[in-house]
PDB file of N, CA and C in Angstrom:
ATOM      1  N   UNK A   1     -56.690-128.024 -87.973  1.00  0.00           N
ATOM      2  CA  UNK A   1     -55.641-129.018 -87.866  1.00  0.00           C
ATOM      3  C   UNK A   1     -55.159-129.268 -89.229  1.00  0.00           C
ATOM      4  N   UNK A   2     -53.928-129.487 -89.361  1.00  0.00           N
ATOM      5  CA  UNK A   2     -53.411-129.797 -90.656  1.00  0.00           C
ATOM      6  C   UNK A   2     -52.348-130.833 -90.459  1.00  0.00           C
ATOM      7  N   UNK A   3     -51.890-131.450 -91.614  1.00  0.00           N
ATOM      8  CA  UNK A   3     -50.911-132.565 -91.532  1.00  0.00           C
ATOM      9  C   UNK A   3     -50.106-132.526 -92.861  1.00  0.00           C
ATOM     10  N   UNK A   4     -48.961-133.227 -92.803  1.00  0.00           N
ATOM     11  CA  UNK A   4     -48.171-133.282 -93.969  1.00  0.00           C
ATOM     12  C   UNK A   4     -47.178-134.421 -93.756  1.00  0.00           C
ATOM     13  N   UNK A   5     -47.079-135.395 -94.758  1.00  0.00           N
ATOM     14  CA  UNK A   5     -46.130-136.524 -94.490  1.00  0.00           C
ATOM     15  C   UNK A   5     -45.251-136.411 -95.768  1.00  0.00           C
ATOM     16  N   UNK A   6     -43.959-136.954 -95.541  1.00  0.00           N
ATOM     17  CA  UNK A   6     -42.930-137.238 -96.554  1.00  0.00           C
ATOM     18  C   UNK A   6     -43.471-138.354 -97.377  1.00  0.00           C
ATOM     19  N   UNK A   7     -43.125-138.372 -98.782  1.00  0.00           N
ATOM     20  CA  UNK A   7     -43.523-139.441 -99.638  1.00  0.00           C
ATOM     21  C   UNK A   7     -43.216-140.910 -99.147  1.00  0.00           C
ATOM     22  N   UNK A   8     -42.251-141.056 -98.482  1.00  0.00           N
ATOM     23  CA  UNK A   8     -41.937-142.429 -97.975  1.00  0.00           C
ATOM     24  C   UNK A   8     -42.875-142.857 -96.817  1.00  0.00           C
ATOM     25  N   UNK A   9     -43.565-141.968 -96.182  1.00  0.00           N
ATOM     26  CA  UNK A   9     -44.369-142.384 -95.089  1.00  0.00           C
ATOM     27  C   UNK A   9     -45.900-142.324 -95.502  1.00  0.00           C
ATOM     28  N   UNK A  10     -46.220-141.773 -96.744  1.00  0.00           N
ATOM     29  CA  UNK A  10     -47.528-141.717 -97.207  1.00  0.00           C
ATOM     30  C   UNK A  10     -48.060-143.152 -97.450  1.00  0.00           C
ATOM     31  N   UNK A  11     -49.479-143.164 -97.316  1.00  0.00           N
ATOM     32  CA  UNK A  11     -50.153-144.418 -97.572  1.00  0.00           C
ATOM     33  C   UNK A  11     -49.985-145.631 -96.556  1.00  0.00           C
ATOM     34  N   UNK A  12     -49.453-145.228 -95.455  1.00  0.00           N
ATOM     35  CA  UNK A  12     -49.255-146.360 -94.275  1.00  0.00           C
ATOM     36  C   UNK A  12     -50.215-146.049 -93.103  1.00  0.00           C
ATOM     37  N   UNK A  13     -51.175-145.132 -93.281  1.00  0.00           N
ATOM     38  CA  UNK A  13     -52.182-145.039 -92.180  1.00  0.00           C
ATOM     39  C   UNK A  13     -51.584-144.140 -91.120  1.00  0.00           C
ATOM     40  N   UNK A  14     -50.412-143.465 -91.200  1.00  0.00           N
ATOM     41  CA  UNK A  14     -49.845-142.741 -90.103  1.00  0.00           C
ATOM     42  C   UNK A  14     -50.633-141.494 -89.831  1.00  0.00           C
ATOM     43  N   UNK A  15     -51.020-140.837 -90.798  1.00  0.00           N
ATOM     44  CA  UNK A  15     -51.716-139.609 -90.729  1.00  0.00           C
ATOM     45  C   UNK A  15     -53.081-139.733 -89.916  1.00  0.00           C
ATOM     46  N   UNK A  16     -53.737-140.795 -90.538  1.00  0.00           N
ATOM     47  CA  UNK A  16     -55.087-141.084 -89.853  1.00  0.00           C
ATOM     48  C   UNK A  16     -54.980-141.431 -88.429  1.00  0.00           C
ATOM     49  N   UNK A  17     -53.867-142.258 -88.154  1.00  0.00           N
ATOM     50  CA  UNK A  17     -53.605-142.637 -86.851  1.00  0.00           C
ATOM     51  C   UNK A  17     -53.382-141.358 -85.894  1.00  0.00           C
ATOM     52  N   UNK A  18     -52.576-140.454 -86.432  1.00  0.00           N
ATOM     53  CA  UNK A  18     -52.063-139.236 -85.649  1.00  0.00           C
ATOM     54  C   UNK A  18     -53.452-138.341 -85.422  1.00  0.00           C
ATOM     55  N   UNK A  19     -54.149-138.242 -86.498  1.00  0.00           N
ATOM     56  CA  UNK A  19     -55.404-137.231 -86.542  1.00  0.00           C
ATOM     57  C   UNK A  19     -56.218-137.842 -85.438  1.00  0.00           C
ATOM     58  N   UNK A  20     -56.453-139.267 -85.472  1.00  0.00           N
ATOM     59  CA  UNK A  20     -57.396-139.862 -84.482  1.00  0.00           C
ATOM     60  C   UNK A  20     -56.959-139.525 -83.075  1.00  0.00           C
ATOM     61  N   UNK A  21     -55.675-139.613 -82.915  1.00  0.00           N
ATOM     62  CA  UNK A  21     -55.114-139.336 -81.535  1.00  0.00           C
ATOM     63  C   UNK A  21     -55.375-137.843 -81.121  1.00  0.00           C
ATOM     64  N   UNK A  22     -55.162-136.940 -81.982  1.00  0.00           N
ATOM     65  CA  UNK A  22     -55.386-135.438 -81.883  1.00  0.00           C
ATOM     66  C   UNK A  22     -56.783-135.290 -81.571  1.00  0.00           C
ATOM     67  N   UNK A  23     -57.771-135.913 -82.115  1.00  0.00           N
ATOM     68  CA  UNK A  23     -59.069-135.640 -81.948  1.00  0.00           C
ATOM     69  C   UNK A  23     -59.419-136.292 -80.617  1.00  0.00           C
ATOM     70  N   UNK A  24     -59.046-137.470 -80.181  1.00  0.00           N
ATOM     71  CA  UNK A  24     -59.235-137.860 -78.870  1.00  0.00           C
ATOM     72  C   UNK A  24     -58.695-136.821 -77.799  1.00  0.00           C
ATOM     73  N   UNK A  25     -57.522-136.330 -77.960  1.00  0.00           N
ATOM     74  CA  UNK A  25     -56.961-135.462 -77.061  1.00  0.00           C
ATOM     75  C   UNK A  25     -57.859-134.264 -76.897  1.00  0.00           C
ATOM     76  N   UNK A  26     -58.167-133.640 -78.101  1.00  0.00           N
ATOM     77  CA  UNK A  26     -58.954-132.460 -78.285  1.00  0.00           C
ATOM     78  C   UNK A  26     -60.322-132.542 -77.459  1.00  0.00           C
ATOM     79  N   UNK A  27     -61.005-133.717 -77.760  1.00  0.00           N
ATOM     80  CA  UNK A  27     -62.243-133.747 -77.023  1.00  0.00           C
ATOM     81  C   UNK A  27     -62.274-134.266 -75.618  1.00  0.00           C
ATOM     82  N   UNK A  28     -61.184-135.213 -75.359  1.00  0.00           N
ATOM     83  CA  UNK A  28     -61.185-135.715 -73.961  1.00  0.00           C
ATOM     84  C   UNK A  28     -60.292-135.069 -72.945  1.00  0.00           C
ATOM     85  N   UNK A  29     -59.299-134.381 -73.382  1.00  0.00           N
ATOM     86  CA  UNK A  29     -58.368-133.784 -72.589  1.00  0.00           C
ATOM     87  C   UNK A  29     -58.598-132.134 -72.500  1.00  0.00           C
ATOM     88  N   UNK A  30     -58.789-131.715 -73.661  1.00  0.00           N
ATOM     89  CA  UNK A  30     -58.884-130.238 -73.891  1.00  0.00           C
ATOM     90  C   UNK A  30     -60.349-129.732 -73.751  1.00  0.00           C
ATOM     91  N   UNK A  31     -61.269-130.678 -73.747  1.00  0.00           N
ATOM     92  CA  UNK A  31     -62.743-130.622 -73.743  1.00  0.00           C
ATOM     93  C   UNK A  31     -63.209-129.490 -74.869  1.00  0.00           C
ATOM     94  N   UNK A  32     -62.674-129.561 -75.987  1.00  0.00           N
ATOM     95  CA  UNK A  32     -62.988-128.781 -77.112  1.00  0.00           C
ATOM     96  C   UNK A  32     -64.314-129.311 -77.591  1.00  0.00           C
ATOM     97  N   UNK A  33     -65.103-128.502 -78.231  1.00  0.00           N
ATOM     98  CA  UNK A  33     -66.463-128.830 -78.878  1.00  0.00           C
ATOM     99  C   UNK A  33     -66.379-129.235 -80.257  1.00  0.00           C
ATOM    100  N   UNK A  34     -65.394-128.674 -81.053  1.00  0.00           N
ATOM    101  CA  UNK A  34     -65.408-128.903 -82.464  1.00  0.00           C
ATOM    102  C   UNK A  34     -63.880-128.855 -82.786  1.00  0.00           C
ATOM    103  N   UNK A  35     -63.604-129.781 -83.943  1.00  0.00           N
ATOM    104  CA  UNK A  35     -62.214-129.911 -84.502  1.00  0.00           C
ATOM    105  C   UNK A  35     -62.483-129.621 -86.072  1.00  0.00           C
ATOM    106  N   UNK A  36     -61.607-128.737 -86.543  1.00  0.00           N
ATOM    107  CA  UNK A  36     -61.719-128.492 -88.035  1.00  0.00           C
ATOM    108  C   UNK A  36     -60.410-128.860 -88.710  1.00  0.00           C
ATOM    109  N   UNK A  37     -60.547-129.371 -89.924  1.00  0.00           N
ATOM    110  CA  UNK A  37     -59.412-129.685 -90.824  1.00  0.00           C
ATOM    111  C   UNK A  37     -59.646-128.988 -92.115  1.00  0.00           C
ATOM    112  N   UNK A  38     -58.603-128.315 -92.591  1.00  0.00           N
ATOM    113  CA  UNK A  38     -58.696-127.639 -93.997  1.00  0.00           C
ATOM    114  C   UNK A  38     -57.721-128.312 -94.935  1.00  0.00           C
ATOM    115  N   UNK A  39     -58.226-128.789 -96.014  1.00  0.00           N
ATOM    116  CA  UNK A  39     -57.591-129.603 -97.029  1.00  0.00           C
ATOM    117  C   UNK A  39     -57.603-128.930 -98.459  1.00  0.00           C
ATOM    118  N   UNK A  40     -56.691-128.861 -99.089  1.00  0.00           N
ATOM    119  CA  UNK A  40     -56.660-128.448-100.505  1.00  0.00           C
ATOM    120  C   UNK A  40     -57.650-129.289-101.298  1.00  0.00           C
ATOM    121  N   UNK A  41     -58.507-128.595-102.195  1.00  0.00           N
ATOM    122  CA  UNK A  41     -59.455-129.299-102.997  1.00  0.00           C
ATOM    123  C   UNK A  41     -58.882-130.492-103.799  1.00  0.00           C
ATOM    124  N   UNK A  42     -57.682-130.322-104.388  1.00  0.00           N
ATOM    125  CA  UNK A  42     -57.131-131.114-105.099  1.00  0.00           C
ATOM    126  C   UNK A  42     -56.295-132.422-104.437  1.00  0.00           C
ATOM    127  N   UNK A  43     -56.126-132.315-103.274  1.00  0.00           N
ATOM    128  CA  UNK A  43     -55.380-133.258-102.442  1.00  0.00           C
ATOM    129  C   UNK A  43     -56.302-134.483-101.897  1.00  0.00           C
ATOM    130  N   UNK A  44     -56.497-135.359-102.860  1.00  0.00           N
ATOM    131  CA  UNK A  44     -57.494-136.572-102.516  1.00  0.00           C
ATOM    132  C   UNK A  44     -57.108-137.391-101.339  1.00  0.00           C
ATOM    133  N   UNK A  45     -55.732-137.626-101.252  1.00  0.00           N
ATOM    134  CA  UNK A  45     -55.229-138.349-100.024  1.00  0.00           C
ATOM    135  C   UNK A  45     -55.694-137.744 -98.712  1.00  0.00           C
ATOM    136  N   UNK A  46     -55.408-136.355 -98.641  1.00  0.00           N
ATOM    137  CA  UNK A  46     -55.635-135.691 -97.491  1.00  0.00           C
ATOM    138  C   UNK A  46     -57.216-135.500 -97.211  1.00  0.00           C
ATOM    139  N   UNK A  47     -57.927-135.511 -98.294  1.00  0.00           N
ATOM    140  CA  UNK A  47     -59.432-135.164 -98.120  1.00  0.00           C
ATOM    141  C   UNK A  47     -59.998-136.677 -97.533  1.00  0.00           C
ATOM    142  N   UNK A  48     -59.370-137.727 -97.802  1.00  0.00           N
ATOM    143  CA  UNK A  48     -59.798-139.095 -97.408  1.00  0.00           C
ATOM    144  C   UNK A  48     -59.836-139.130 -95.874  1.00  0.00           C
ATOM    145  N   UNK A  49     -58.870-138.454 -95.247  1.00  0.00           N
ATOM    146  CA  UNK A  49     -58.621-138.647 -93.779  1.00  0.00           C
ATOM    147  C   UNK A  49     -59.854-138.209 -93.006  1.00  0.00           C
ATOM    148  N   UNK A  50     -60.294-136.966 -93.156  1.00  0.00           N
ATOM    149  CA  UNK A  50     -61.576-136.510 -92.411  1.00  0.00           C
ATOM    150  C   UNK A  50     -62.670-137.231 -92.864  1.00  0.00           C
ATOM    151  N   UNK A  51     -62.825-137.513 -94.189  1.00  0.00           N
ATOM    152  CA  UNK A  51     -63.922-138.263 -94.671  1.00  0.00           C
ATOM    153  C   UNK A  51     -64.180-139.736 -93.887  1.00  0.00           C
ATOM    154  N   UNK A  52     -62.864-140.395 -93.836  1.00  0.00           N
ATOM    155  CA  UNK A  52     -62.823-141.627 -93.201  1.00  0.00           C
ATOM    156  C   UNK A  52     -63.161-141.636 -91.609  1.00  0.00           C
ATOM    157  N   UNK A  53     -62.843-140.515 -91.141  1.00  0.00           N
ATOM    158  CA  UNK A  53     -63.029-140.320 -89.640  1.00  0.00           C
ATOM    159  C   UNK A  53     -64.465-139.647 -89.277  1.00  0.00           C
ATOM    160  N   UNK A  54     -65.168-139.539 -90.239  1.00  0.00           N
ATOM    161  CA  UNK A  54     -66.570-139.033 -89.922  1.00  0.00           C
ATOM    162  C   UNK A  54     -66.787-137.614 -89.825  1.00  0.00           C
ATOM    163  N   UNK A  55     -65.887-136.804 -90.430  1.00  0.00           N
ATOM    164  CA  UNK A  55     -66.015-135.253 -90.449  1.00  0.00           C
ATOM    165  C   UNK A  55     -67.198-134.980 -91.396  1.00  0.00           C
ATOM    166  N   UNK A  56     -67.725-133.822 -91.262  1.00  0.00           N
ATOM    167  CA  UNK A  56     -68.742-133.212 -92.162  1.00  0.00           C
ATOM    168  C   UNK A  56     -67.919-132.136 -93.045  1.00  0.00           C
ATOM    169  N   UNK A  57     -68.258-132.141 -94.410  1.00  0.00           N
ATOM    170  CA  UNK A  57     -67.707-131.153 -95.215  1.00  0.00           C
ATOM    171  C   UNK A  57     -68.580-129.785 -94.953  1.00  0.00           C
ATOM    172  N   UNK A  58     -67.914-128.736 -94.358  1.00  0.00           N
ATOM    173  CA  UNK A  58     -68.613-127.509 -94.016  1.00  0.00           C
ATOM    174  C   UNK A  58     -68.785-126.634 -95.171  1.00  0.00           C
ATOM    175  N   UNK A  59     -67.531-126.450 -95.810  1.00  0.00           N
ATOM    176  CA  UNK A  59     -67.680-125.335 -96.968  1.00  0.00           C
ATOM    177  C   UNK A  59     -66.446-125.613 -97.790  1.00  0.00           C
ATOM    178  N   UNK A  60     -66.450-124.928 -99.031  1.00  0.00           N
ATOM    179  CA  UNK A  60     -65.283-124.929 -99.918  1.00  0.00           C
ATOM    180  C   UNK A  60     -64.870-123.327-100.056  1.00  0.00           C
ATOM    181  N   UNK A  61     -63.827-123.038 -99.795  1.00  0.00           N
ATOM    182  CA  UNK A  61     -63.339-121.594-100.029  1.00  0.00           C
ATOM    183  C   UNK A  61     -62.658-121.602-101.225  1.00  0.00           C
ATOM    184  N   UNK A  62     -63.184-120.979-102.332  1.00  0.00           N
ATOM    185  CA  UNK A  62     -62.396-120.986-103.745  1.00  0.00           C
ATOM    186  C   UNK A  62     -61.182-119.977-103.703  1.00  0.00           C
ATOM    187  N   UNK A  63     -60.267-120.378-104.597  1.00  0.00           N
ATOM    188  CA  UNK A  63     -58.999-119.624-104.795  1.00  0.00           C
ATOM    189  C   UNK A  63     -58.439-119.219-103.421  1.00  0.00           C
ATOM    190  N   UNK A  64     -58.321-120.276-102.528  1.00  0.00           N
ATOM    191  CA  UNK A  64     -57.821-120.127-101.205  1.00  0.00           C
ATOM    192  C   UNK A  64     -56.265-119.843-101.158  1.00  0.00           C
ATOM    193  N   UNK A  65     -55.472-120.475-101.952  1.00  0.00           N
ATOM    194  CA  UNK A  65     -54.052-120.383-102.020  1.00  0.00           C
ATOM    195  C   UNK A  65     -53.460-120.655-103.341  1.00  0.00           C
ATOM    196  N   UNK A  66     -52.382-120.094-103.486  1.00  0.00           N
ATOM    197  CA  UNK A  66     -51.709-120.305-104.791  1.00  0.00           C
ATOM    198  C   UNK A  66     -50.380-121.190-104.494  1.00  0.00           C
ATOM    199  N   UNK A  67     -50.355-122.325-105.335  1.00  0.00           N
ATOM    200  CA  UNK A  67     -49.255-123.265-105.200  1.00  0.00           C
ATOM    201  C   UNK A  67     -48.673-123.528-106.582  1.00  0.00           C
ATOM    202  N   UNK A  68     -47.463-123.075-106.729  1.00  0.00           N
ATOM    203  CA  UNK A  68     -46.808-123.248-108.042  1.00  0.00           C
ATOM    204  C   UNK A  68     -47.418-122.501-109.120  1.00  0.00           C
ATOM    205  N   UNK A  69     -47.986-121.371-108.886  1.00  0.00           N
ATOM    206  CA  UNK A  69     -48.618-120.555-109.832  1.00  0.00           C
ATOM    207  C   UNK A  69     -50.194-120.911-110.127  1.00  0.00           C
ATOM    208  N   UNK A  70     -50.669-121.932-109.564  1.00  0.00           N
ATOM    209  CA  UNK A  70     -51.967-122.276-109.683  1.00  0.00           C
ATOM    210  C   UNK A  70     -52.814-122.074-108.313  1.00  0.00           C
ATOM    211  N   UNK A  71     -54.056-121.585-108.507  1.00  0.00           N
ATOM    212  CA  UNK A  71     -54.898-121.408-107.369  1.00  0.00           C
ATOM    213  C   UNK A  71     -55.684-122.528-107.050  1.00  0.00           C
ATOM    214  N   UNK A  72     -55.800-122.977-105.830  1.00  0.00           N
ATOM    215  CA  UNK A  72     -56.588-124.084-105.411  1.00  0.00           C
ATOM    216  C   UNK A  72     -57.576-123.706-104.218  1.00  0.00           C
ATOM    217  N   UNK A  73     -58.737-124.377-104.260  1.00  0.00           N
ATOM    218  CA  UNK A  73     -59.560-124.093-103.169  1.00  0.00           C
ATOM    219  C   UNK A  73     -59.349-124.888-101.900  1.00  0.00           C
ATOM    220  N   UNK A  74     -60.022-124.555-100.820  1.00  0.00           N
ATOM    221  CA  UNK A  74     -59.722-125.253 -99.562  1.00  0.00           C
ATOM    222  C   UNK A  74     -61.070-125.769 -99.072  1.00  0.00           C
ATOM    223  N   UNK A  75     -60.981-127.135 -98.760  1.00  0.00           N
ATOM    224  CA  UNK A  75     -62.268-127.751 -98.144  1.00  0.00           C
ATOM    225  C   UNK A  75     -62.144-127.561 -96.510  1.00  0.00           C
ATOM    226  N   UNK A  76     -63.105-127.183 -95.914  1.00  0.00           N
ATOM    227  CA  UNK A  76     -63.170-127.058 -94.377  1.00  0.00           C
ATOM    228  C   UNK A  76     -64.182-128.274 -93.958  1.00  0.00           C
ATOM    229  N   UNK A  77     -63.571-129.206 -93.059  1.00  0.00           N
ATOM    230  CA  UNK A  77     -64.299-130.181 -92.644  1.00  0.00           C
ATOM    231  C   UNK A  77     -64.282-129.986 -91.113  1.00  0.00           C
ATOM    232  N   UNK A  78     -65.533-130.417 -90.461  1.00  0.00           N
ATOM    233  CA  UNK A  78     -65.575-130.214 -89.074  1.00  0.00           C
ATOM    234  C   UNK A  78     -66.147-131.517 -88.527  1.00  0.00           C
ATOM    235  N   UNK A  79     -65.884-131.625 -87.222  1.00  0.00           N
ATOM    236  CA  UNK A  79     -66.400-132.826 -86.447  1.00  0.00           C
ATOM    237  C   UNK A  79     -66.785-132.262 -84.935  1.00  0.00           C
ATOM    238  N   UNK A  80     -67.970-132.460 -84.685  1.00  0.00           N
ATOM    239  CA  UNK A  80     -68.456-132.037 -83.287  1.00  0.00           C
ATOM    240  C   UNK A  80     -68.168-133.097 -82.313  1.00  0.00           C
ATOM    241  N   UNK A  81     -67.915-132.774 -80.931  1.00  0.00           N
ATOM    242  CA  UNK A  81     -67.752-133.760 -80.043  1.00  0.00           C
ATOM    243  C   UNK A  81     -68.737-134.840 -79.935  1.00  0.00           C
ATOM    244  N   UNK A  82     -69.962-134.483 -79.977  1.00  0.00           N
ATOM    245  CA  UNK A  82     -70.963-135.541 -79.825  1.00  0.00           C
ATOM    246  C   UNK A  82     -71.008-136.449 -81.116  1.00  0.00           C
ATOM    247  N   UNK A  83     -70.338-136.135 -82.234  1.00  0.00           N
ATOM    248  CA  UNK A  83     -70.333-136.897 -83.342  1.00  0.00           C
ATOM    249  C   UNK A  83     -69.191-137.791 -83.388  1.00  0.00           C
ATOM    250  N   UNK A  84     -68.252-137.643 -82.498  1.00  0.00           N
ATOM    251  CA  UNK A  84     -66.862-138.490 -82.533  1.00  0.00           C
ATOM    252  C   UNK A  84     -67.166-139.890 -82.158  1.00  0.00           C
ATOM    253  N   UNK A  85     -66.707-140.786 -82.964  1.00  0.00           N
ATOM    254  CA  UNK A  85     -66.757-142.241 -82.787  1.00  0.00           C
ATOM    255  C   UNK A  85     -65.432-142.840 -82.795  1.00  0.00           C
ATOM    256  N   UNK A  86     -64.662-142.869 -81.720  1.00  0.00           N
ATOM    257  CA  UNK A  86     -63.167-143.123 -81.723  1.00  0.00           C
ATOM    258  C   UNK A  86     -62.902-144.524 -82.357  1.00  0.00           C
ATOM    259  N   UNK A  87     -63.804-145.378 -82.552  1.00  0.00           N
ATOM    260  CA  UNK A  87     -63.588-146.770 -83.103  1.00  0.00           C
ATOM    261  C   UNK A  87     -63.658-146.834 -84.647  1.00  0.00           C
ATOM    262  N   UNK A  88     -63.972-145.783 -85.218  1.00  0.00           N
ATOM    263  CA  UNK A  88     -63.975-145.719 -86.665  1.00  0.00           C
ATOM    264  C   UNK A  88     -62.679-146.002 -87.315  1.00  0.00           C
TER     265      UNK A  88
END
């Protein structure tokens, strides 16, 4: 799962709300066992979303992508169905 918001929509809880809905749908409607989110290591706002929703940091992939001539790592977070607490 990934997400991106325009600057004027950032900081309003919209991404967290959308991710929460996608998690509910993934576990309850699609009967998936696990949801993963990949986030750039330097993107603190995006990292806060899976951390706030109870995801576990699985790994860091070093030098995953190049943005504007700099290489960044990727943090992979995951959440298992039995760990999901929709009221968080």
